[in-house]
N, C-alpha and C. Protein backbone atom coordinates (compact mmCIF):
# COMPACT_ATOMS: atom_id res chain seq x y z
N MET A 1 0.84 -1.19 0.01
CA MET A 1 0.02 -0.02 0.00
C MET A 1 0.89 1.25 0.01
N ASP A 2 0.54 2.22 -0.79
CA ASP A 2 1.27 3.49 -0.79
C ASP A 2 0.49 4.55 -0.01
N PHE A 3 1.05 5.72 0.15
CA PHE A 3 0.40 6.76 0.94
C PHE A 3 -0.93 7.19 0.33
N LYS A 4 -0.98 7.28 -1.01
CA LYS A 4 -2.21 7.73 -1.67
C LYS A 4 -3.34 6.80 -1.37
N GLU A 5 -3.06 5.50 -1.51
CA GLU A 5 -4.11 4.48 -1.24
C GLU A 5 -4.50 4.55 0.25
N TYR A 6 -3.55 4.65 1.13
CA TYR A 6 -3.87 4.75 2.55
C TYR A 6 -4.75 5.98 2.80
N GLN A 7 -4.35 7.10 2.27
CA GLN A 7 -5.08 8.35 2.50
C GLN A 7 -6.50 8.26 1.99
N ASP A 8 -6.69 7.66 0.82
CA ASP A 8 -8.00 7.47 0.27
C ASP A 8 -8.88 6.56 1.14
N LYS A 9 -8.29 5.46 1.60
CA LYS A 9 -9.04 4.51 2.42
C LYS A 9 -9.36 5.10 3.81
N ALA A 10 -8.36 5.83 4.37
CA ALA A 10 -8.54 6.41 5.69
C ALA A 10 -9.66 7.43 5.68
N LYS A 11 -9.74 8.20 4.59
CA LYS A 11 -10.77 9.26 4.50
C LYS A 11 -12.17 8.62 4.56
N LYS A 12 -12.35 7.46 4.09
CA LYS A 12 -13.65 6.78 4.06
C LYS A 12 -14.07 6.40 5.50
N THR A 13 -13.12 6.33 6.43
CA THR A 13 -13.47 5.98 7.81
C THR A 13 -13.61 7.15 8.71
N ALA A 14 -13.52 8.32 8.20
CA ALA A 14 -13.57 9.57 9.00
C ALA A 14 -14.99 9.86 9.44
N LEU A 15 -15.22 9.79 10.76
CA LEU A 15 -16.51 10.12 11.33
C LEU A 15 -16.33 11.12 12.47
N TYR A 16 -16.41 12.38 12.13
CA TYR A 16 -16.31 13.42 13.16
C TYR A 16 -17.05 14.66 12.61
N PRO A 17 -17.36 15.61 13.45
CA PRO A 17 -18.15 16.77 13.02
C PRO A 17 -17.49 17.50 11.84
N ASN A 18 -18.29 17.84 10.85
CA ASN A 18 -17.88 18.66 9.75
C ASN A 18 -16.68 18.12 8.96
N VAL A 19 -16.68 16.82 8.74
CA VAL A 19 -15.61 16.17 7.93
C VAL A 19 -15.52 16.95 6.64
N GLY A 20 -14.29 17.25 6.25
CA GLY A 20 -14.08 17.95 4.99
C GLY A 20 -13.86 19.46 5.19
N SER A 21 -14.25 19.96 6.36
CA SER A 21 -13.97 21.36 6.68
C SER A 21 -13.66 21.53 8.16
N ASN A 22 -12.93 20.57 8.74
CA ASN A 22 -12.63 20.61 10.15
C ASN A 22 -11.22 20.07 10.35
N PHE A 23 -10.27 21.00 10.32
CA PHE A 23 -8.88 20.59 10.54
C PHE A 23 -8.53 20.52 12.06
N ILE A 24 -9.39 21.07 12.87
CA ILE A 24 -9.10 21.08 14.30
C ILE A 24 -9.22 19.67 14.92
N TYR A 25 -10.28 18.92 14.56
CA TYR A 25 -10.50 17.62 15.15
C TYR A 25 -9.27 16.68 14.84
N PRO A 26 -8.81 16.53 13.62
CA PRO A 26 -7.67 15.63 13.45
C PRO A 26 -6.37 16.19 14.01
N THR A 27 -6.24 17.49 14.16
CA THR A 27 -5.08 18.04 14.85
C THR A 27 -5.05 17.62 16.30
N LEU A 28 -6.17 17.73 16.97
CA LEU A 28 -6.26 17.33 18.34
C LEU A 28 -6.04 15.82 18.49
N GLY A 29 -6.61 15.04 17.56
CA GLY A 29 -6.40 13.59 17.59
C GLY A 29 -4.95 13.21 17.35
N LEU A 30 -4.28 13.92 16.47
CA LEU A 30 -2.85 13.65 16.22
C LEU A 30 -2.02 13.91 17.47
N THR A 31 -2.34 14.99 18.12
CA THR A 31 -1.59 15.34 19.38
C THR A 31 -1.87 14.28 20.45
N ASN A 32 -3.15 13.89 20.59
CA ASN A 32 -3.50 12.91 21.60
C ASN A 32 -2.78 11.57 21.34
N GLU A 33 -2.84 11.11 20.09
CA GLU A 33 -2.26 9.77 19.80
C GLU A 33 -0.75 9.78 19.87
N SER A 34 -0.11 10.93 19.51
CA SER A 34 1.35 11.05 19.67
C SER A 34 1.70 11.00 21.14
N GLY A 35 0.89 11.58 21.98
CA GLY A 35 1.07 11.51 23.41
C GLY A 35 0.97 10.05 23.95
N GLU A 36 0.03 9.28 23.35
CA GLU A 36 -0.08 7.91 23.80
C GLU A 36 1.17 7.10 23.43
N VAL A 37 1.75 7.39 22.24
CA VAL A 37 3.02 6.77 21.88
C VAL A 37 4.08 7.11 22.90
N ALA A 38 4.21 8.40 23.19
CA ALA A 38 5.20 8.86 24.15
C ALA A 38 4.98 8.23 25.52
N GLY A 39 3.72 8.08 25.93
CA GLY A 39 3.42 7.49 27.22
C GLY A 39 3.90 6.02 27.30
N LYS A 40 3.68 5.30 26.22
CA LYS A 40 4.12 3.90 26.19
C LYS A 40 5.66 3.81 26.26
N ILE A 41 6.33 4.70 25.56
CA ILE A 41 7.81 4.72 25.61
C ILE A 41 8.29 5.10 27.04
N LYS A 42 7.59 6.06 27.63
CA LYS A 42 7.96 6.48 28.99
C LYS A 42 7.86 5.27 29.93
N LYS A 43 6.81 4.50 29.79
CA LYS A 43 6.64 3.34 30.67
C LYS A 43 7.69 2.23 30.38
N VAL A 44 8.20 2.18 29.15
CA VAL A 44 9.28 1.26 28.89
C VAL A 44 10.51 1.66 29.68
N LEU A 45 10.80 2.96 29.71
CA LEU A 45 11.95 3.45 30.52
C LEU A 45 11.71 3.24 31.97
N ARG A 46 10.51 3.52 32.47
CA ARG A 46 10.21 3.40 33.87
C ARG A 46 10.13 1.94 34.38
N ASP A 47 9.45 1.11 33.62
CA ASP A 47 9.12 -0.21 34.10
C ASP A 47 9.91 -1.37 33.51
N LYS A 48 10.56 -1.12 32.35
CA LYS A 48 11.23 -2.24 31.64
C LYS A 48 12.72 -1.97 31.32
N ASN A 49 13.31 -1.06 32.07
CA ASN A 49 14.72 -0.76 31.88
C ASN A 49 15.06 -0.36 30.44
N GLY A 50 14.11 0.24 29.76
CA GLY A 50 14.38 0.69 28.38
C GLY A 50 14.30 -0.39 27.35
N ILE A 51 13.83 -1.56 27.72
CA ILE A 51 13.79 -2.70 26.78
C ILE A 51 12.36 -2.88 26.27
N ILE A 52 12.19 -2.80 24.95
CA ILE A 52 10.88 -2.96 24.36
C ILE A 52 10.69 -4.44 24.00
N ASP A 53 9.73 -5.09 24.66
CA ASP A 53 9.39 -6.47 24.34
C ASP A 53 8.37 -6.51 23.21
N GLU A 54 8.09 -7.70 22.73
CA GLU A 54 7.20 -7.85 21.57
C GLU A 54 5.80 -7.31 21.84
N ASN A 55 5.30 -7.52 23.03
CA ASN A 55 3.97 -7.03 23.36
C ASN A 55 3.89 -5.51 23.31
N THR A 56 4.90 -4.91 23.92
CA THR A 56 4.97 -3.43 23.98
C THR A 56 5.13 -2.90 22.53
N LYS A 57 5.97 -3.56 21.73
CA LYS A 57 6.13 -3.14 20.35
C LYS A 57 4.80 -3.23 19.59
N SER A 58 4.04 -4.27 19.86
CA SER A 58 2.77 -4.44 19.23
C SER A 58 1.82 -3.31 19.63
N GLU A 59 1.80 -2.94 20.89
CA GLU A 59 0.95 -1.85 21.38
C GLU A 59 1.36 -0.49 20.81
N ILE A 60 2.67 -0.25 20.70
CA ILE A 60 3.16 0.96 20.11
C ILE A 60 2.79 1.02 18.64
N LYS A 61 2.89 -0.11 17.94
CA LYS A 61 2.52 -0.16 16.54
C LYS A 61 1.06 0.26 16.34
N LYS A 62 0.16 -0.19 17.22
CA LYS A 62 -1.24 0.22 17.13
C LYS A 62 -1.39 1.75 17.30
N GLU A 63 -0.68 2.30 18.26
CA GLU A 63 -0.73 3.76 18.50
C GLU A 63 -0.11 4.53 17.28
N LEU A 64 0.96 4.00 16.68
CA LEU A 64 1.53 4.63 15.52
C LEU A 64 0.56 4.59 14.35
N GLY A 65 -0.25 3.56 14.27
CA GLY A 65 -1.28 3.49 13.25
C GLY A 65 -2.32 4.58 13.47
N ASP A 66 -2.65 4.84 14.70
CA ASP A 66 -3.59 5.94 15.03
C ASP A 66 -2.96 7.28 14.69
N VAL A 67 -1.65 7.43 14.93
CA VAL A 67 -0.96 8.67 14.56
C VAL A 67 -1.03 8.84 13.06
N LEU A 68 -0.76 7.77 12.29
CA LEU A 68 -0.83 7.84 10.84
C LEU A 68 -2.19 8.23 10.37
N TRP A 69 -3.27 7.66 10.97
CA TRP A 69 -4.63 7.97 10.53
C TRP A 69 -4.93 9.47 10.73
N TYR A 70 -4.55 9.99 11.91
CA TYR A 70 -4.84 11.44 12.13
C TYR A 70 -3.94 12.32 11.23
N LEU A 71 -2.69 11.93 11.04
CA LEU A 71 -1.86 12.68 10.12
C LEU A 71 -2.47 12.67 8.75
N SER A 72 -2.93 11.53 8.29
CA SER A 72 -3.56 11.39 6.97
C SER A 72 -4.82 12.30 6.88
N GLN A 73 -5.64 12.23 7.92
CA GLN A 73 -6.90 12.97 7.90
C GLN A 73 -6.65 14.49 7.96
N LEU A 74 -5.66 14.91 8.78
CA LEU A 74 -5.31 16.31 8.80
C LEU A 74 -4.81 16.77 7.44
N SER A 75 -3.99 15.97 6.84
CA SER A 75 -3.49 16.28 5.46
C SER A 75 -4.68 16.41 4.47
N THR A 76 -5.59 15.49 4.56
CA THR A 76 -6.79 15.52 3.69
C THR A 76 -7.58 16.82 3.94
N GLU A 77 -7.78 17.14 5.20
CA GLU A 77 -8.53 18.37 5.53
C GLU A 77 -7.88 19.61 4.94
N LEU A 78 -6.53 19.58 4.82
CA LEU A 78 -5.80 20.72 4.27
C LEU A 78 -5.52 20.59 2.78
N ASN A 79 -6.13 19.57 2.12
CA ASN A 79 -5.91 19.32 0.73
C ASN A 79 -4.44 19.11 0.38
N LEU A 80 -3.77 18.32 1.23
CA LEU A 80 -2.38 17.97 1.01
C LEU A 80 -2.28 16.47 0.84
N SER A 81 -1.37 16.01 -0.02
CA SER A 81 -1.20 14.59 -0.17
C SER A 81 -0.01 14.12 0.70
N LEU A 82 -0.20 12.98 1.32
CA LEU A 82 0.89 12.38 2.10
C LEU A 82 2.10 12.10 1.24
N ASP A 83 1.87 11.71 -0.03
CA ASP A 83 3.00 11.50 -0.94
C ASP A 83 3.83 12.78 -1.07
N ASP A 84 3.12 13.89 -1.31
CA ASP A 84 3.86 15.17 -1.45
C ASP A 84 4.57 15.57 -0.15
N ILE A 85 3.92 15.36 0.99
CA ILE A 85 4.50 15.69 2.29
C ILE A 85 5.78 14.86 2.47
N ALA A 86 5.70 13.57 2.19
CA ALA A 86 6.85 12.67 2.39
C ALA A 86 8.00 13.05 1.44
N ASN A 87 7.65 13.31 0.17
CA ASN A 87 8.74 13.68 -0.77
C ASN A 87 9.37 14.97 -0.42
N GLU A 88 8.61 15.97 -0.03
CA GLU A 88 9.15 17.26 0.31
C GLU A 88 10.02 17.14 1.56
N ASN A 89 9.63 16.33 2.51
CA ASN A 89 10.42 16.12 3.74
C ASN A 89 11.74 15.48 3.41
N LEU A 90 11.75 14.51 2.53
CA LEU A 90 13.04 13.89 2.18
C LEU A 90 13.93 14.79 1.42
N GLN A 91 13.35 15.61 0.56
CA GLN A 91 14.16 16.60 -0.16
C GLN A 91 14.76 17.57 0.82
N LYS A 92 14.00 18.06 1.76
CA LYS A 92 14.48 18.99 2.79
C LYS A 92 15.69 18.36 3.56
N LEU A 93 15.50 17.10 3.98
CA LEU A 93 16.53 16.43 4.77
C LEU A 93 17.78 16.14 3.94
N SER A 94 17.58 15.78 2.70
CA SER A 94 18.74 15.56 1.79
C SER A 94 19.51 16.88 1.60
N SER A 95 18.79 17.95 1.42
CA SER A 95 19.46 19.25 1.25
C SER A 95 20.27 19.61 2.51
N ARG A 96 19.71 19.38 3.65
CA ARG A 96 20.41 19.66 4.92
C ARG A 96 21.69 18.80 5.04
N MET A 97 21.54 17.52 4.63
CA MET A 97 22.71 16.63 4.66
C MET A 97 23.79 17.16 3.75
N GLU A 98 23.41 17.52 2.53
CA GLU A 98 24.40 18.04 1.55
C GLU A 98 25.08 19.32 2.06
N ARG A 99 24.37 20.12 2.78
CA ARG A 99 24.92 21.41 3.28
C ARG A 99 25.44 21.29 4.69
N ASN A 100 25.47 20.09 5.22
CA ASN A 100 25.93 19.84 6.60
C ASN A 100 25.11 20.64 7.59
N LYS A 101 23.77 20.65 7.41
CA LYS A 101 22.91 21.43 8.34
C LYS A 101 21.92 20.55 9.03
N ILE A 102 22.18 19.29 9.16
CA ILE A 102 21.26 18.36 9.85
C ILE A 102 21.18 18.77 11.33
N HIS A 103 22.29 19.12 11.91
CA HIS A 103 22.30 19.55 13.32
C HIS A 103 21.94 20.99 13.38
N GLY A 104 21.45 21.39 14.56
CA GLY A 104 21.12 22.83 14.75
C GLY A 104 19.62 22.96 14.96
N GLU A 105 19.17 24.21 14.85
CA GLU A 105 17.79 24.52 15.11
C GLU A 105 17.21 25.35 13.97
N GLY A 106 15.88 25.37 13.89
CA GLY A 106 15.22 26.20 12.92
C GLY A 106 14.72 25.38 11.76
N ASP A 107 13.55 25.77 11.26
CA ASP A 107 12.95 25.05 10.15
C ASP A 107 13.69 25.33 8.83
N ASN A 108 14.25 26.48 8.70
CA ASN A 108 14.78 26.89 7.39
C ASN A 108 16.31 26.92 7.42
N ARG A 109 16.91 25.87 7.94
CA ARG A 109 18.40 25.82 7.92
C ARG A 109 18.92 25.08 6.73
């Protein structure tokens, strides 16, 4: 499956107020689900000495799927394609590598 296919299929499962003109709902969902990923990682550090077992990995995978869904839906709400987002991101990172600007701060380095 590629990003376009995923985004098209994910859009069909969107059930929230004002789908198609509501970027706030998926933004909040993305933040929430990202926090759930971070919470699971925190508990790995606290309870499992930083070792991720297969069960934990499976649970994190589910949360990452939720992150992907909300990212996809937010992109759809903004009329952006995940393919374009991914390609642009890799171009940006490649440029930074070529210019030795991977380290540091700021979006436009």
